[in-house]
Amino acid sequence: MHPRARVAGYAAAAVLIAVGALWATGGLDPADAPARVAPGKEVDQHLFRTKLVGAHVATIKKFGKTTRMLVINAWVTNPTRETQGTYALDDNVFAHGMFLYWRTQNGPRPKQVDAQGVAGDTLFRALQPRLPTYVAVQYELASGARVPDHVTVALADYQYTESGLLDPRGYWVWKSRGYETRYETDPLTHKSGRVTHIIPVLVANVTLPVKVKQ
């Protein structure tokens, strides 16, 4: 059994969630356990320099629908020379390196639906090189889900990988601590087969108090 991305010592009902990845069993080896980091302290993810600064629950009305959202706020700096993203289908965007601990007794796990840079009234999904950016990572809460007074977030580490002979640019991926193979169906082509996923190294756990905004 491959080790899963969950911290040993947490209750059995607490699992890590992120877009496209869920490891509900197993634990980290002691040497791989993420360090506990205080809110506002910078975490070096190599692809990002991240300060998680707060969490709150907000009620959003859009297209006649009211939705409760759990929002994680962070100051994020992109230390590379290329523009990076906050949210997309790729793994090398900021939100995909953020994992939320969630206890099953609190209801259905929140669904990560977006992450946007915020500057006044302007929202965007690009992290410019060397420019600290305030980012809001958004999780949709199911009806009846209970948000605890504090939430814990884990951050993944990244590494730069060479692409090969035909593409000298290379690319960023999660730093791997293992792999997991699952049988999946592609939602676009409807073809099924075995897909291997990276289980990332986690570099920090940050516990944030949760505020409720109306």
Protein backbone atom coordinates (compact mmCIF):
# COMPACT_ATOMS: atom_id res chain seq x y z
CA MET A 1 0.00 0.00 0.00
CA HIS A 2 1.35 3.42 -0.93
CA PRO A 3 1.42 5.98 1.89
CA ARG A 4 -1.35 8.49 1.46
CA ALA A 5 -1.24 12.26 1.90
CA ARG A 6 -2.73 12.46 5.36
CA VAL A 7 -1.00 13.34 8.58
CA ALA A 8 -0.52 10.54 11.09
CA GLY A 9 -2.13 11.32 14.43
CA TYR A 10 -5.30 12.96 13.08
CA ALA A 11 -8.65 11.30 13.78
CA ALA A 12 -9.59 8.53 11.41
CA ALA A 13 -12.53 10.59 10.13
CA ALA A 14 -10.34 13.50 9.08
CA VAL A 15 -9.27 13.37 5.45
CA LEU A 16 -7.43 15.62 3.02
CA ILE A 17 -9.29 16.98 0.04
CA ALA A 18 -8.27 18.85 -3.08
CA VAL A 19 -9.35 19.09 -6.68
CA GLY A 20 -8.85 15.72 -8.34
CA ALA A 21 -7.27 14.01 -5.34
CA LEU A 22 -8.50 12.36 -2.17
CA TRP A 23 -6.49 10.08 0.10
CA ALA A 24 -8.76 8.86 2.87
CA THR A 25 -6.61 6.18 4.50
CA GLY A 26 -3.04 5.64 5.55
CA GLY A 27 -0.62 8.23 6.90
CA LEU A 28 2.70 9.92 6.48
CA ASP A 29 5.96 8.59 7.77
CA PRO A 30 7.23 10.70 10.71
CA ALA A 31 10.01 12.16 8.56
CA ASP A 32 7.47 13.26 5.94
CA ALA A 33 4.97 14.84 8.32
CA PRO A 34 4.41 18.53 7.49
CA ALA A 35 5.69 21.14 9.90
CA ARG A 36 3.07 23.13 11.80
CA VAL A 37 3.26 26.74 10.65
CA ALA A 38 1.51 29.73 12.20
CA PRO A 39 -0.93 31.81 10.12
CA GLY A 40 0.85 34.60 8.27
CA LYS A 41 4.23 32.86 8.23
CA GLU A 42 5.70 32.27 4.78
CA VAL A 43 5.85 28.70 3.46
CA ASP A 44 8.30 27.87 0.67
CA GLN A 45 6.58 25.60 -1.88
CA HIS A 46 9.35 26.35 -4.43
CA LEU A 47 6.80 27.24 -7.12
CA PHE A 48 5.03 29.58 -4.69
CA ARG A 49 5.89 31.53 -1.52
CA THR A 50 2.68 31.37 0.51
CA LYS A 51 1.31 33.06 3.62
CA LEU A 52 -2.07 31.68 4.67
CA VAL A 53 -3.72 34.54 6.53
CA GLY A 54 -7.38 33.73 7.15
CA ALA A 55 -10.55 31.74 6.53
CA HIS A 56 -14.18 32.76 6.50
CA VAL A 57 -17.63 31.55 5.49
CA ALA A 58 -19.52 33.81 3.11
CA THR A 59 -22.97 33.59 1.53
CA ILE A 60 -22.85 34.38 -2.16
CA LYS A 61 -25.86 35.14 -4.35
CA LYS A 62 -25.30 34.52 -8.05
CA PHE A 63 -27.80 33.92 -10.86
CA GLY A 64 -30.61 33.71 -8.32
CA LYS A 65 -28.88 30.97 -6.33
CA THR A 66 -27.58 31.37 -2.78
CA THR A 67 -24.44 29.38 -1.95
CA ARG A 68 -22.36 29.15 1.20
CA MET A 69 -18.63 29.24 0.54
CA LEU A 70 -15.61 28.52 2.70
CA VAL A 71 -12.90 30.95 1.60
CA ILE A 72 -9.20 30.54 2.41
CA ASN A 73 -7.18 33.73 1.95
CA ALA A 74 -3.45 33.86 1.25
CA TRP A 75 -0.69 36.17 0.14
CA VAL A 76 1.07 34.34 -2.70
CA THR A 77 4.31 35.26 -4.47
CA ASN A 78 5.39 33.60 -7.68
CA PRO A 79 9.23 33.49 -7.49
CA THR A 80 9.69 32.25 -11.08
CA ARG A 81 10.18 34.29 -14.22
CA GLU A 82 6.94 33.09 -15.81
CA THR A 83 3.31 33.87 -15.05
CA GLN A 84 1.64 31.11 -13.01
CA GLY A 85 -2.06 30.48 -12.38
CA THR A 86 -4.31 30.44 -9.34
CA TYR A 87 -6.86 27.91 -10.62
CA ALA A 88 -7.16 25.68 -13.72
CA LEU A 89 -7.18 22.01 -14.71
CA ASP A 90 -3.40 21.70 -14.40
CA ASP A 91 -1.69 20.57 -11.20
CA ASN A 92 0.86 23.40 -11.32
CA VAL A 93 -1.60 26.10 -10.24
CA PHE A 94 -1.72 27.46 -6.72
CA ALA A 95 -5.07 26.02 -5.60
CA HIS A 96 -4.14 22.45 -6.56
CA GLY A 97 -1.32 22.48 -4.03
CA MET A 98 -3.71 23.27 -1.17
CA PHE A 99 -5.32 20.42 0.80
CA LEU A 100 -8.08 20.85 3.35
CA TYR A 101 -8.56 18.55 6.35
CA TRP A 102 -12.22 17.69 6.81
CA ARG A 103 -14.02 15.52 9.35
CA THR A 104 -16.86 13.40 8.03
CA GLN A 105 -19.10 14.33 10.97
CA ASN A 106 -19.14 17.89 9.61
CA GLY A 107 -21.06 16.72 6.55
CA PRO A 108 -20.14 16.35 2.87
CA ARG A 109 -16.64 17.54 2.10
CA PRO A 110 -16.43 21.03 0.53
CA LYS A 111 -15.77 21.20 -3.20
CA GLN A 112 -12.95 23.48 -4.36
CA VAL A 113 -14.50 25.53 -7.16
CA ASP A 114 -12.18 28.48 -7.80
CA ALA A 115 -9.20 30.55 -6.69
CA GLN A 116 -8.88 34.18 -7.69
CA GLY A 117 -6.45 36.99 -7.15
CA VAL A 118 -8.10 40.03 -5.59
CA ALA A 119 -7.13 43.67 -6.14
CA GLY A 120 -9.91 46.04 -5.11
CA ASP A 121 -12.93 45.12 -7.22
CA THR A 122 -10.82 43.26 -9.79
CA LEU A 123 -10.62 39.45 -9.83
CA PHE A 124 -8.05 37.52 -11.88
CA ARG A 125 -6.31 34.13 -12.10
CA ALA A 126 -2.73 35.08 -12.99
CA LEU A 127 0.22 35.31 -10.60
CA GLN A 128 2.79 37.66 -12.09
CA PRO A 129 6.48 37.04 -11.38
CA ARG A 130 7.75 38.39 -8.04
CA LEU A 131 4.50 40.26 -7.29
CA PRO A 132 2.78 39.41 -3.96
CA THR A 133 -0.88 38.72 -4.71
CA TYR A 134 -3.87 38.35 -2.38
CA VAL A 135 -5.68 35.14 -3.34
CA ALA A 136 -9.09 33.78 -2.30
CA VAL A 137 -9.45 29.99 -2.63
CA GLN A 138 -13.15 29.08 -2.66
CA TYR A 139 -14.83 25.88 -1.48
CA GLU A 140 -18.55 25.33 -2.06
CA LEU A 141 -20.33 24.05 1.04
CA ALA A 142 -23.10 21.48 0.72
CA SER A 143 -26.45 22.11 2.36
CA GLY A 144 -26.22 21.15 6.01
CA ALA A 145 -22.41 21.12 6.12
CA ARG A 146 -21.05 22.42 9.43
CA VAL A 147 -17.87 24.48 9.35
CA PRO A 148 -15.73 24.15 12.51
CA ASP A 149 -14.24 27.09 14.39
CA HIS A 150 -10.82 26.27 12.91
CA VAL A 151 -9.72 24.57 9.69
CA THR A 152 -6.31 23.08 8.91
CA VAL A 153 -4.77 23.40 5.46
CA ALA A 154 -1.75 21.51 4.11
CA LEU A 155 0.48 22.88 1.35
CA ALA A 156 2.28 20.72 -1.22
CA ASP A 157 5.86 21.02 -2.41
CA TYR A 158 6.76 21.41 -6.09
CA GLN A 159 9.81 20.62 -8.19
CA TYR A 160 10.97 21.61 -11.66
CA THR A 161 11.14 18.77 -14.18
CA GLU A 162 12.89 18.68 -17.54
CA SER A 163 10.50 18.00 -20.42
CA GLY A 164 12.84 16.12 -22.74
CA LEU A 165 14.62 16.60 -26.03
CA LEU A 166 11.76 18.28 -27.90
CA ASP A 167 10.80 20.83 -25.22
CA PRO A 168 13.70 22.39 -23.30
CA ARG A 169 11.43 24.62 -21.21
CA GLY A 170 10.56 22.04 -18.53
CA TYR A 171 7.59 22.32 -16.21
CA TRP A 172 6.57 22.29 -12.54
CA VAL A 173 5.00 19.27 -10.84
CA TRP A 174 4.24 18.18 -7.29
CA LYS A 175 7.30 16.78 -5.54
CA SER A 176 6.42 13.12 -5.23
CA ARG A 177 6.43 10.98 -2.11
CA GLY A 178 4.64 8.13 -3.89
CA TYR A 179 2.16 7.21 -6.60
CA GLU A 180 -1.39 5.88 -6.66
CA THR A 181 -2.99 4.07 -9.59
CA ARG A 182 -6.77 4.08 -9.97
CA TYR A 183 -9.23 2.92 -12.61
CA GLU A 184 -11.00 6.00 -14.00
CA THR A 185 -13.25 7.12 -16.83
CA ASP A 186 -12.37 10.25 -18.79
CA PRO A 187 -15.40 12.62 -18.55
CA LEU A 188 -14.77 13.95 -22.08
CA THR A 189 -13.89 10.83 -24.10
CA HIS A 190 -15.71 8.36 -21.80
CA LYS A 191 -12.77 5.98 -22.21
CA SER A 192 -11.72 4.03 -19.11
CA GLY A 193 -8.34 2.86 -17.94
CA ARG A 194 -5.74 2.97 -15.20
CA VAL A 195 -4.49 6.44 -14.26
CA THR A 196 -1.47 7.08 -12.05
CA HIS A 197 -1.56 10.08 -9.71
CA ILE A 198 1.27 11.71 -7.80
CA ILE A 199 0.98 11.71 -4.02
CA PRO A 200 2.74 14.99 -3.15
CA VAL A 201 5.14 15.84 -0.38
CA LEU A 202 3.43 18.18 2.08
CA VAL A 203 5.62 20.96 3.48
CA ALA A 204 3.32 22.68 6.00
CA ASN A 205 0.12 22.45 8.02
CA VAL A 206 -1.53 25.77 8.86
CA THR A 207 -4.53 26.03 11.21
CA LEU A 208 -6.76 29.05 10.65
CA PRO A 209 -9.65 30.46 12.70
CA VAL A 210 -12.87 30.67 10.68
CA LYS A 211 -14.99 33.83 10.62
CA VAL A 212 -18.59 33.96 9.45
CA LYS A 213 -19.61 36.79 7.12
CA GLN A 214 -23.15 37.52 6.04
